[in-house]
mmCIF file of all heavy atoms, coordinates in Angstrom:
data_MODEL
# 
_entry.id   MODEL 
# 
loop_
_atom_site.group_PDB 
_atom_site.id 
_atom_site.type_symbol 
_atom_site.label_atom_id 
_atom_site.label_alt_id 
_atom_site.label_comp_id 
_atom_site.label_asym_id 
_atom_site.label_entity_id 
_atom_site.label_seq_id 
_atom_site.pdbx_PDB_ins_code 
_atom_site.Cartn_x 
_atom_site.Cartn_y 
_atom_site.Cartn_z 
_atom_site.occupancy 
_atom_site.B_iso_or_equiv 
_atom_site.pdbx_formal_charge 
_atom_site.auth_seq_id 
_atom_site.auth_comp_id 
_atom_site.auth_asym_id 
_atom_site.auth_atom_id 
_atom_site.pdbx_PDB_model_num 
ATOM 1   N N   . PHE A 1 1  ? -91.631 27.983 15.535 1.00 0.00 ? 1  PHE A N   1 
ATOM 2   C CA  . PHE A 1 1  ? -90.586 27.437 14.715 1.00 0.00 ? 1  PHE A CA  1 
ATOM 3   C C   . PHE A 1 1  ? -89.256 28.095 14.951 1.00 0.00 ? 1  PHE A C   1 
ATOM 4   O O   . PHE A 1 1  ? -88.197 27.465 14.928 1.00 0.00 ? 1  PHE A O   1 
ATOM 5   C CB  . PHE A 1 1  ? -90.937 27.619 13.234 1.00 0.00 ? 1  PHE A CB  1 
ATOM 6   C CG  . PHE A 1 1  ? -89.970 27.059 12.270 1.00 0.00 ? 1  PHE A CG  1 
ATOM 7   C CD1 . PHE A 1 1  ? -89.874 25.698 12.044 1.00 0.00 ? 1  PHE A CD1 1 
ATOM 8   C CD2 . PHE A 1 1  ? -89.102 27.912 11.571 1.00 0.00 ? 1  PHE A CD2 1 
ATOM 9   C CE1 . PHE A 1 1  ? -88.927 25.180 11.170 1.00 0.00 ? 1  PHE A CE1 1 
ATOM 10  C CE2 . PHE A 1 1  ? -88.124 27.395 10.685 1.00 0.00 ? 1  PHE A CE2 1 
ATOM 11  C CZ  . PHE A 1 1  ? -88.055 26.015 10.491 1.00 0.00 ? 1  PHE A CZ  1 
ATOM 12  N N   . PHE A 1 2  ? -89.228 29.406 15.217 1.00 0.00 ? 2  PHE A N   1 
ATOM 13  C CA  . PHE A 1 2  ? -88.013 30.140 15.529 1.00 0.00 ? 2  PHE A CA  1 
ATOM 14  C C   . PHE A 1 2  ? -87.330 29.573 16.762 1.00 0.00 ? 2  PHE A C   1 
ATOM 15  O O   . PHE A 1 2  ? -86.127 29.333 16.753 1.00 0.00 ? 2  PHE A O   1 
ATOM 16  C CB  . PHE A 1 2  ? -88.310 31.599 15.684 1.00 0.00 ? 2  PHE A CB  1 
ATOM 17  C CG  . PHE A 1 2  ? -87.081 32.441 15.949 1.00 0.00 ? 2  PHE A CG  1 
ATOM 18  C CD1 . PHE A 1 2  ? -86.196 32.729 14.930 1.00 0.00 ? 2  PHE A CD1 1 
ATOM 19  C CD2 . PHE A 1 2  ? -86.802 32.937 17.199 1.00 0.00 ? 2  PHE A CD2 1 
ATOM 20  C CE1 . PHE A 1 2  ? -85.044 33.482 15.176 1.00 0.00 ? 2  PHE A CE1 1 
ATOM 21  C CE2 . PHE A 1 2  ? -85.715 33.680 17.448 1.00 0.00 ? 2  PHE A CE2 1 
ATOM 22  C CZ  . PHE A 1 2  ? -84.788 33.972 16.432 1.00 0.00 ? 2  PHE A CZ  1 
ATOM 23  N N   . PHE A 1 3  ? -88.117 29.326 17.776 1.00 0.00 ? 3  PHE A N   1 
ATOM 24  C CA  . PHE A 1 3  ? -87.533 28.750 19.006 1.00 0.00 ? 3  PHE A CA  1 
ATOM 25  C C   . PHE A 1 3  ? -87.127 27.312 18.808 1.00 0.00 ? 3  PHE A C   1 
ATOM 26  O O   . PHE A 1 3  ? -86.181 26.808 19.454 1.00 0.00 ? 3  PHE A O   1 
ATOM 27  C CB  . PHE A 1 3  ? -88.541 28.861 20.164 1.00 0.00 ? 3  PHE A CB  1 
ATOM 28  C CG  . PHE A 1 3  ? -88.665 30.257 20.744 1.00 0.00 ? 3  PHE A CG  1 
ATOM 29  C CD1 . PHE A 1 3  ? -89.820 30.986 20.498 1.00 0.00 ? 3  PHE A CD1 1 
ATOM 30  C CD2 . PHE A 1 3  ? -87.640 30.845 21.430 1.00 0.00 ? 3  PHE A CD2 1 
ATOM 31  C CE1 . PHE A 1 3  ? -89.921 32.282 20.994 1.00 0.00 ? 3  PHE A CE1 1 
ATOM 32  C CE2 . PHE A 1 3  ? -87.713 32.115 21.904 1.00 0.00 ? 3  PHE A CE2 1 
ATOM 33  C CZ  . PHE A 1 3  ? -88.882 32.867 21.692 1.00 0.00 ? 3  PHE A CZ  1 
ATOM 34  N N   . PHE A 1 4  ? -87.807 26.641 17.855 1.00 0.00 ? 4  PHE A N   1 
ATOM 35  C CA  . PHE A 1 4  ? -87.384 25.291 17.481 1.00 0.00 ? 4  PHE A CA  1 
ATOM 36  C C   . PHE A 1 4  ? -86.002 25.304 16.841 1.00 0.00 ? 4  PHE A C   1 
ATOM 37  O O   . PHE A 1 4  ? -85.148 24.443 17.109 1.00 0.00 ? 4  PHE A O   1 
ATOM 38  C CB  . PHE A 1 4  ? -88.417 24.681 16.528 1.00 0.00 ? 4  PHE A CB  1 
ATOM 39  C CG  . PHE A 1 4  ? -88.041 23.318 16.015 1.00 0.00 ? 4  PHE A CG  1 
ATOM 40  C CD1 . PHE A 1 4  ? -87.979 22.215 16.829 1.00 0.00 ? 4  PHE A CD1 1 
ATOM 41  C CD2 . PHE A 1 4  ? -87.668 23.174 14.643 1.00 0.00 ? 4  PHE A CD2 1 
ATOM 42  C CE1 . PHE A 1 4  ? -87.582 20.952 16.329 1.00 0.00 ? 4  PHE A CE1 1 
ATOM 43  C CE2 . PHE A 1 4  ? -87.305 21.933 14.178 1.00 0.00 ? 4  PHE A CE2 1 
ATOM 44  C CZ  . PHE A 1 4  ? -87.268 20.840 14.969 1.00 0.00 ? 4  PHE A CZ  1 
ATOM 45  N N   . THR A 1 5  ? -85.754 26.286 15.972 1.00 0.00 ? 5  THR A N   1 
ATOM 46  C CA  . THR A 1 5  ? -84.433 26.394 15.376 1.00 0.00 ? 5  THR A CA  1 
ATOM 47  C C   . THR A 1 5  ? -83.353 26.769 16.417 1.00 0.00 ? 5  THR A C   1 
ATOM 48  O O   . THR A 1 5  ? -82.210 26.349 16.294 1.00 0.00 ? 5  THR A O   1 
ATOM 49  C CB  . THR A 1 5  ? -84.430 27.461 14.243 1.00 0.00 ? 5  THR A CB  1 
ATOM 50  O OG1 . THR A 1 5  ? -84.819 28.746 14.780 1.00 0.00 ? 5  THR A OG1 1 
ATOM 51  C CG2 . THR A 1 5  ? -85.387 27.074 13.170 1.00 0.00 ? 5  THR A CG2 1 
ATOM 52  N N   . LEU A 1 6  ? -83.728 27.570 17.417 1.00 0.00 ? 6  LEU A N   1 
ATOM 53  C CA  . LEU A 1 6  ? -82.811 27.894 18.521 1.00 0.00 ? 6  LEU A CA  1 
ATOM 54  C C   . LEU A 1 6  ? -82.465 26.608 19.273 1.00 0.00 ? 6  LEU A C   1 
ATOM 55  O O   . LEU A 1 6  ? -81.295 26.412 19.669 1.00 0.00 ? 6  LEU A O   1 
ATOM 56  C CB  . LEU A 1 6  ? -83.406 28.925 19.457 1.00 0.00 ? 6  LEU A CB  1 
ATOM 57  C CG  . LEU A 1 6  ? -83.573 30.342 18.886 1.00 0.00 ? 6  LEU A CG  1 
ATOM 58  C CD1 . LEU A 1 6  ? -84.135 31.258 19.982 1.00 0.00 ? 6  LEU A CD1 1 
ATOM 59  C CD2 . LEU A 1 6  ? -82.240 30.888 18.390 1.00 0.00 ? 6  LEU A CD2 1 
ATOM 60  N N   . PHE A 1 7  ? -83.448 25.764 19.502 1.00 0.00 ? 7  PHE A N   1 
ATOM 61  C CA  . PHE A 1 7  ? -83.235 24.478 20.154 1.00 0.00 ? 7  PHE A CA  1 
ATOM 62  C C   . PHE A 1 7  ? -82.283 23.619 19.334 1.00 0.00 ? 7  PHE A C   1 
ATOM 63  O O   . PHE A 1 7  ? -81.331 23.000 19.864 1.00 0.00 ? 7  PHE A O   1 
ATOM 64  C CB  . PHE A 1 7  ? -84.527 23.745 20.392 1.00 0.00 ? 7  PHE A CB  1 
ATOM 65  C CG  . PHE A 1 7  ? -84.363 22.314 20.751 1.00 0.00 ? 7  PHE A CG  1 
ATOM 66  C CD1 . PHE A 1 7  ? -83.973 21.952 22.034 1.00 0.00 ? 7  PHE A CD1 1 
ATOM 67  C CD2 . PHE A 1 7  ? -84.649 21.311 19.847 1.00 0.00 ? 7  PHE A CD2 1 
ATOM 68  C CE1 . PHE A 1 7  ? -83.804 20.591 22.388 1.00 0.00 ? 7  PHE A CE1 1 
ATOM 69  C CE2 . PHE A 1 7  ? -84.474 19.968 20.153 1.00 0.00 ? 7  PHE A CE2 1 
ATOM 70  C CZ  . PHE A 1 7  ? -84.049 19.628 21.447 1.00 0.00 ? 7  PHE A CZ  1 
ATOM 71  N N   . LEU A 1 8  ? -82.493 23.561 17.995 1.00 0.00 ? 8  LEU A N   1 
ATOM 72  C CA  . LEU A 1 8  ? -81.615 22.805 17.129 1.00 0.00 ? 8  LEU A CA  1 
ATOM 73  C C   . LEU A 1 8  ? -80.173 23.345 17.190 1.00 0.00 ? 8  LEU A C   1 
ATOM 74  O O   . LEU A 1 8  ? -79.239 22.567 17.170 1.00 0.00 ? 8  LEU A O   1 
ATOM 75  C CB  . LEU A 1 8  ? -82.134 22.815 15.694 1.00 0.00 ? 8  LEU A CB  1 
ATOM 76  C CG  . LEU A 1 8  ? -83.406 21.981 15.408 1.00 0.00 ? 8  LEU A CG  1 
ATOM 77  C CD1 . LEU A 1 8  ? -83.764 22.097 13.936 1.00 0.00 ? 8  LEU A CD1 1 
ATOM 78  C CD2 . LEU A 1 8  ? -83.202 20.518 15.796 1.00 0.00 ? 8  LEU A CD2 1 
ATOM 79  N N   . SER A 1 9  ? -80.058 24.659 17.235 1.00 0.00 ? 9  SER A N   1 
ATOM 80  C CA  . SER A 1 9  ? -78.753 25.254 17.290 1.00 0.00 ? 9  SER A CA  1 
ATOM 81  C C   . SER A 1 9  ? -78.040 24.907 18.578 1.00 0.00 ? 9  SER A C   1 
ATOM 82  O O   . SER A 1 9  ? -76.839 24.587 18.557 1.00 0.00 ? 9  SER A O   1 
ATOM 83  C CB  . SER A 1 9  ? -78.872 26.793 17.168 1.00 0.00 ? 9  SER A CB  1 
ATOM 84  O OG  . SER A 1 9  ? -79.451 27.157 15.953 1.00 0.00 ? 9  SER A OG  1 
ATOM 85  N N   . GLY A 1 10 ? -78.738 24.937 19.702 1.00 0.00 ? 10 GLY A N   1 
ATOM 86  C CA  . GLY A 1 10 ? -78.154 24.522 20.963 1.00 0.00 ? 10 GLY A CA  1 
ATOM 87  C C   . GLY A 1 10 ? -77.763 23.080 20.983 1.00 0.00 ? 10 GLY A C   1 
ATOM 88  O O   . GLY A 1 10 ? -76.693 22.712 21.495 1.00 0.00 ? 10 GLY A O   1 
ATOM 89  N N   . LEU A 1 11 ? -78.654 22.252 20.456 1.00 0.00 ? 11 LEU A N   1 
ATOM 90  C CA  . LEU A 1 11 ? -78.368 20.799 20.385 1.00 0.00 ? 11 LEU A CA  1 
ATOM 91  C C   . LEU A 1 11 ? -77.156 20.546 19.498 1.00 0.00 ? 11 LEU A C   1 
ATOM 92  O O   . LEU A 1 11 ? -76.286 19.725 19.819 1.00 0.00 ? 11 LEU A O   1 
ATOM 93  C CB  . LEU A 1 11 ? -79.572 20.048 19.843 1.00 0.00 ? 11 LEU A CB  1 
ATOM 94  C CG  . LEU A 1 11 ? -79.459 18.526 19.704 1.00 0.00 ? 11 LEU A CG  1 
ATOM 95  C CD1 . LEU A 1 11 ? -79.185 17.883 21.033 1.00 0.00 ? 11 LEU A CD1 1 
ATOM 96  C CD2 . LEU A 1 11 ? -80.705 17.956 19.047 1.00 0.00 ? 11 LEU A CD2 1 
ATOM 97  N N   . PHE A 1 12 ? -77.085 21.247 18.377 1.00 0.00 ? 12 PHE A N   1 
ATOM 98  C CA  . PHE A 1 12 ? -75.980 21.070 17.457 1.00 0.00 ? 12 PHE A CA  1 
ATOM 99  C C   . PHE A 1 12 ? -74.662 21.476 18.115 1.00 0.00 ? 12 PHE A C   1 
ATOM 100 O O   . PHE A 1 12 ? -73.649 20.810 17.947 1.00 0.00 ? 12 PHE A O   1 
ATOM 101 C CB  . PHE A 1 12 ? -76.209 21.898 16.202 1.00 0.00 ? 12 PHE A CB  1 
ATOM 102 C CG  . PHE A 1 12 ? -75.079 21.895 15.221 1.00 0.00 ? 12 PHE A CG  1 
ATOM 103 C CD1 . PHE A 1 12 ? -74.840 20.794 14.401 1.00 0.00 ? 12 PHE A CD1 1 
ATOM 104 C CD2 . PHE A 1 12 ? -74.212 23.002 15.169 1.00 0.00 ? 12 PHE A CD2 1 
ATOM 105 C CE1 . PHE A 1 12 ? -73.744 20.817 13.513 1.00 0.00 ? 12 PHE A CE1 1 
ATOM 106 C CE2 . PHE A 1 12 ? -73.133 22.991 14.289 1.00 0.00 ? 12 PHE A CE2 1 
ATOM 107 C CZ  . PHE A 1 12 ? -72.934 21.893 13.462 1.00 0.00 ? 12 PHE A CZ  1 
ATOM 108 N N   . THR A 1 13 ? -74.691 22.600 18.844 1.00 0.00 ? 13 THR A N   1 
ATOM 109 C CA  . THR A 1 13 ? -73.477 23.045 19.565 1.00 0.00 ? 13 THR A CA  1 
ATOM 110 C C   . THR A 1 13 ? -72.995 22.030 20.554 1.00 0.00 ? 13 THR A C   1 
ATOM 111 O O   . THR A 1 13 ? -71.818 21.734 20.698 1.00 0.00 ? 13 THR A O   1 
ATOM 112 C CB  . THR A 1 13 ? -73.726 24.384 20.253 1.00 0.00 ? 13 THR A CB  1 
ATOM 113 O OG1 . THR A 1 13 ? -74.188 25.372 19.312 1.00 0.00 ? 13 THR A OG1 1 
ATOM 114 C CG2 . THR A 1 13 ? -72.476 24.905 20.956 1.00 0.00 ? 13 THR A CG2 1 
ATOM 115 N N   . PHE A 1 14 ? -73.995 21.418 21.260 1.00 0.00 ? 14 PHE A N   1 
ATOM 116 C CA  . PHE A 1 14 ? -73.619 20.382 22.291 1.00 0.00 ? 14 PHE A CA  1 
ATOM 117 C C   . PHE A 1 14 ? -73.009 19.193 21.566 1.00 0.00 ? 14 PHE A C   1 
ATOM 118 O O   . PHE A 1 14 ? -71.980 18.630 22.049 1.00 0.00 ? 14 PHE A O   1 
ATOM 119 C CB  . PHE A 1 14 ? -74.902 19.983 22.990 1.00 0.00 ? 14 PHE A CB  1 
ATOM 120 C CG  . PHE A 1 14 ? -74.687 18.806 23.924 1.00 0.00 ? 14 PHE A CG  1 
ATOM 121 C CD1 . PHE A 1 14 ? -74.028 18.946 25.139 1.00 0.00 ? 14 PHE A CD1 1 
ATOM 122 C CD2 . PHE A 1 14 ? -75.203 17.554 23.589 1.00 0.00 ? 14 PHE A CD2 1 
ATOM 123 C CE1 . PHE A 1 14 ? -73.839 17.856 25.976 1.00 0.00 ? 14 PHE A CE1 1 
ATOM 124 C CE2 . PHE A 1 14 ? -75.036 16.475 24.419 1.00 0.00 ? 14 PHE A CE2 1 
ATOM 125 C CZ  . PHE A 1 14 ? -74.366 16.607 25.612 1.00 0.00 ? 14 PHE A CZ  1 
ATOM 126 N N   . LEU A 1 15 ? -73.622 18.726 20.445 1.00 0.00 ? 15 LEU A N   1 
ATOM 127 C CA  . LEU A 1 15 ? -73.075 17.586 19.722 1.00 0.00 ? 15 LEU A CA  1 
ATOM 128 C C   . LEU A 1 15 ? -71.721 17.886 19.095 1.00 0.00 ? 15 LEU A C   1 
ATOM 129 O O   . LEU A 1 15 ? -70.858 16.992 19.013 1.00 0.00 ? 15 LEU A O   1 
ATOM 130 C CB  . LEU A 1 15 ? -74.064 17.178 18.635 1.00 0.00 ? 15 LEU A CB  1 
ATOM 131 C CG  . LEU A 1 15 ? -75.401 16.634 19.129 1.00 0.00 ? 15 LEU A CG  1 
ATOM 132 C CD1 . LEU A 1 15 ? -76.338 16.324 17.967 1.00 0.00 ? 15 LEU A CD1 1 
ATOM 133 C CD2 . LEU A 1 15 ? -75.203 15.389 20.002 1.00 0.00 ? 15 LEU A CD2 1 
ATOM 134 N N   . VAL A 1 16 ? -71.497 19.112 18.662 1.00 0.00 ? 16 VAL A N   1 
ATOM 135 C CA  . VAL A 1 16 ? -70.198 19.504 18.062 1.00 0.00 ? 16 VAL A CA  1 
ATOM 136 C C   . VAL A 1 16 ? -69.107 19.353 19.116 1.00 0.00 ? 16 VAL A C   1 
ATOM 137 O O   . VAL A 1 16 ? -68.033 18.832 18.801 1.00 0.00 ? 16 VAL A O   1 
ATOM 138 C CB  . VAL A 1 16 ? -70.258 20.969 17.517 1.00 0.00 ? 16 VAL A CB  1 
ATOM 139 C CG1 . VAL A 1 16 ? -68.847 21.503 17.315 1.00 0.00 ? 16 VAL A CG1 1 
ATOM 140 C CG2 . VAL A 1 16 ? -71.025 21.023 16.235 1.00 0.00 ? 16 VAL A CG2 1 
ATOM 141 N N   . ASN A 1 17 ? -69.391 19.796 20.334 1.00 0.00 ? 17 ASN A N   1 
ATOM 142 C CA  . ASN A 1 17 ? -68.396 19.627 21.389 1.00 0.00 ? 17 ASN A CA  1 
ATOM 143 C C   . ASN A 1 17 ? -68.019 18.196 21.618 1.00 0.00 ? 17 ASN A C   1 
ATOM 144 O O   . ASN A 1 17 ? -66.855 17.826 21.836 1.00 0.00 ? 17 ASN A O   1 
ATOM 145 C CB  . ASN A 1 17 ? -68.866 20.292 22.676 1.00 0.00 ? 17 ASN A CB  1 
ATOM 146 C CG  . ASN A 1 17 ? -68.942 21.809 22.584 1.00 0.00 ? 17 ASN A CG  1 
ATOM 147 O OD1 . ASN A 1 17 ? -68.142 22.390 21.888 1.00 0.00 ? 17 ASN A OD1 1 
ATOM 148 N ND2 . ASN A 1 17 ? -69.912 22.419 23.245 1.00 0.00 ? 17 ASN A ND2 1 
ATOM 149 N N   . ILE A 1 18 ? -69.032 17.346 21.611 1.00 0.00 ? 18 ILE A N   1 
ATOM 150 C CA  . ILE A 1 18 ? -68.815 15.884 21.803 1.00 0.00 ? 18 ILE A CA  1 
ATOM 151 C C   . ILE A 1 18 ? -67.991 15.334 20.676 1.00 0.00 ? 18 ILE A C   1 
ATOM 152 O O   . ILE A 1 18 ? -67.022 14.588 20.877 1.00 0.00 ? 18 ILE A O   1 
ATOM 153 C CB  . ILE A 1 18 ? -70.126 15.169 21.978 1.00 0.00 ? 18 ILE A CB  1 
ATOM 154 C CG1 . ILE A 1 18 ? -70.859 15.588 23.233 1.00 0.00 ? 18 ILE A CG1 1 
ATOM 155 C CG2 . ILE A 1 18 ? -69.910 13.652 21.974 1.00 0.00 ? 18 ILE A CG2 1 
ATOM 156 C CD1 . ILE A 1 18 ? -72.186 14.949 23.468 1.00 0.00 ? 18 ILE A CD1 1 
ATOM 157 N N   . VAL A 1 19 ? -68.337 15.687 19.431 1.00 0.00 ? 19 VAL A N   1 
ATOM 158 C CA  . VAL A 1 19 ? -67.636 15.198 18.240 1.00 0.00 ? 19 VAL A CA  1 
ATOM 159 C C   . VAL A 1 19 ? -66.174 15.642 18.268 1.00 0.00 ? 19 VAL A C   1 
ATOM 160 O O   . VAL A 1 19 ? -65.266 14.839 18.001 1.00 0.00 ? 19 VAL A O   1 
ATOM 161 C CB  . VAL A 1 19 ? -68.306 15.642 16.962 1.00 0.00 ? 19 VAL A CB  1 
ATOM 162 C CG1 . VAL A 1 19 ? -67.460 15.354 15.759 1.00 0.00 ? 19 VAL A CG1 1 
ATOM 163 C CG2 . VAL A 1 19 ? -69.666 15.000 16.844 1.00 0.00 ? 19 VAL A CG2 1 
ATOM 164 N N   . ILE A 1 20 ? -65.930 16.888 18.615 1.00 0.00 ? 20 ILE A N   1 
ATOM 165 C CA  . ILE A 1 20 ? -64.557 17.398 18.627 1.00 0.00 ? 20 ILE A CA  1 
ATOM 166 C C   . ILE A 1 20 ? -63.730 16.709 19.699 1.00 0.00 ? 20 ILE A C   1 
ATOM 167 O O   . ILE A 1 20 ? -62.575 16.318 19.492 1.00 0.00 ? 20 ILE A O   1 
ATOM 168 C CB  . ILE A 1 20 ? -64.552 18.936 18.830 1.00 0.00 ? 20 ILE A CB  1 
ATOM 169 C CG1 . ILE A 1 20 ? -65.089 19.617 17.582 1.00 0.00 ? 20 ILE A CG1 1 
ATOM 170 C CG2 . ILE A 1 20 ? -63.160 19.399 19.135 1.00 0.00 ? 20 ILE A CG2 1 
ATOM 171 C CD1 . ILE A 1 20 ? -65.195 21.083 17.705 1.00 0.00 ? 20 ILE A CD1 1 
ATOM 172 N N   . LEU A 1 21 ? -64.313 16.537 20.895 1.00 0.00 ? 21 LEU A N   1 
ATOM 173 C CA  . LEU A 1 21 ? -63.606 15.855 21.970 1.00 0.00 ? 21 LEU A CA  1 
ATOM 174 C C   . LEU A 1 21 ? -63.300 14.408 21.576 1.00 0.00 ? 21 LEU A C   1 
ATOM 175 O O   . LEU A 1 21 ? -62.202 13.882 21.831 1.00 0.00 ? 21 LEU A O   1 
ATOM 176 C CB  . LEU A 1 21 ? -64.471 15.843 23.245 1.00 0.00 ? 21 LEU A CB  1 
ATOM 177 C CG  . LEU A 1 21 ? -64.599 17.172 23.964 1.00 0.00 ? 21 LEU A CG  1 
ATOM 178 C CD1 . LEU A 1 21 ? -65.573 17.081 25.152 1.00 0.00 ? 21 LEU A CD1 1 
ATOM 179 C CD2 . LEU A 1 21 ? -63.256 17.651 24.487 1.00 0.00 ? 21 LEU A CD2 1 
ATOM 180 N N   . GLY A 1 22 ? -64.263 13.754 20.915 1.00 0.00 ? 22 GLY A N   1 
ATOM 181 C CA  . GLY A 1 22 ? -64.044 12.406 20.467 1.00 0.00 ? 22 GLY A CA  1 
ATOM 182 C C   . GLY A 1 22 ? -62.964 12.310 19.375 1.00 0.00 ? 22 GLY A C   1 
ATOM 183 O O   . GLY A 1 22 ? -62.144 11.417 19.356 1.00 0.00 ? 22 GLY A O   1 
ATOM 184 N N   . THR A 1 23 ? -62.974 13.287 18.449 1.00 0.00 ? 23 THR A N   1 
ATOM 185 C CA  . THR A 1 23 ? -62.000 13.300 17.379 1.00 0.00 ? 23 THR A CA  1 
ATOM 186 C C   . THR A 1 23 ? -60.597 13.541 17.898 1.00 0.00 ? 23 THR A C   1 
ATOM 187 O O   . THR A 1 23 ? -59.640 12.881 17.493 1.00 0.00 ? 23 THR A O   1 
ATOM 188 C CB  . THR A 1 23 ? -62.346 14.406 16.367 1.00 0.00 ? 23 THR A CB  1 
ATOM 189 O OG1 . THR A 1 23 ? -63.691 14.217 15.884 1.00 0.00 ? 23 THR A OG1 1 
ATOM 190 C CG2 . THR A 1 23 ? -61.387 14.403 15.190 1.00 0.00 ? 23 THR A CG2 1 
ATOM 191 N N   . VAL A 1 24 ? -60.475 14.468 18.837 1.00 0.00 ? 24 VAL A N   1 
ATOM 192 C CA  . VAL A 1 24 ? -59.168 14.734 19.462 1.00 0.00 ? 24 VAL A CA  1 
ATOM 193 C C   . VAL A 1 24 ? -58.643 13.514 20.219 1.00 0.00 ? 24 VAL A C   1 
ATOM 194 O O   . VAL A 1 24 ? -57.472 13.152 20.141 1.00 0.00 ? 24 VAL A O   1 
ATOM 195 C CB  . VAL A 1 24 ? -59.267 15.957 20.405 1.00 0.00 ? 24 VAL A CB  1 
ATOM 196 C CG1 . VAL A 1 24 ? -57.958 16.123 21.206 1.00 0.00 ? 24 VAL A CG1 1 
ATOM 197 C CG2 . VAL A 1 24 ? -59.535 17.234 19.599 1.00 0.00 ? 24 VAL A CG2 1 
ATOM 198 N N   . ALA A 1 25 ? -59.554 12.885 20.967 1.00 0.00 ? 25 ALA A N   1 
ATOM 199 C CA  . ALA A 1 25 ? -59.165 11.655 21.718 1.00 0.00 ? 25 ALA A CA  1 
ATOM 200 C C   . ALA A 1 25 ? -58.733 10.542 20.773 1.00 0.00 ? 25 ALA A C   1 
ATOM 201 O O   . ALA A 1 25 ? -57.739 9.830  21.038 1.00 0.00 ? 25 ALA A O   1 
ATOM 202 C CB  . ALA A 1 25 ? -60.311 11.220 22.582 1.00 0.00 ? 25 ALA A CB  1 
ATOM 203 N N   . LEU A 1 26 ? -59.425 10.393 19.661 1.00 0.00 ? 26 LEU A N   1 
ATOM 204 C CA  . LEU A 1 26 ? -59.084 9.382  18.672 1.00 0.00 ? 26 LEU A CA  1 
ATOM 205 C C   . LEU A 1 26 ? -57.750 9.631  18.031 1.00 0.00 ? 26 LEU A C   1 
ATOM 206 O O   . LEU A 1 26 ? -56.941 8.707  17.880 1.00 0.00 ? 26 LEU A O   1 
ATOM 207 C CB  . LEU A 1 26 ? -60.192 9.263  17.629 1.00 0.00 ? 26 LEU A CB  1 
ATOM 208 C CG  . LEU A 1 26 ? -59.990 8.255  16.494 1.00 0.00 ? 26 LEU A CG  1 
ATOM 209 C CD1 . LEU A 1 26 ? -59.950 6.821  17.086 1.00 0.00 ? 26 LEU A CD1 1 
ATOM 210 C CD2 . LEU A 1 26 ? -61.087 8.351  15.440 1.00 0.00 ? 26 LEU A CD2 1 
ATOM 211 N N   . THR A 1 27 ? -57.492 10.884 17.652 1.00 0.00 ? 27 THR A N   1 
ATOM 212 C CA  . THR A 1 27 ? -56.225 11.211 17.028 1.00 0.00 ? 27 THR A CA  1 
ATOM 213 C C   . THR A 1 27 ? -55.034 11.011 17.977 1.00 0.00 ? 27 THR A C   1 
ATOM 214 O O   . THR A 1 27 ? -53.949 10.667 17.577 1.00 0.00 ? 27 THR A O   1 
ATOM 215 C CB  . THR A 1 27 ? -56.232 12.635 16.485 1.00 0.00 ? 27 THR A CB  1 
ATOM 216 O OG1 . THR A 1 27 ? -56.635 13.534 17.540 1.00 0.00 ? 27 THR A OG1 1 
ATOM 217 C CG2 . THR A 1 27 ? -57.195 12.780 15.356 1.00 0.00 ? 27 THR A CG2 1 
# 
């Protein structure tokens, strides 16, 4: 479960970068 949370953290970081790039491009 601990490594599963690490995977979620990595996935979340990847998605955050995409969201921020998309938000900046939209603005």
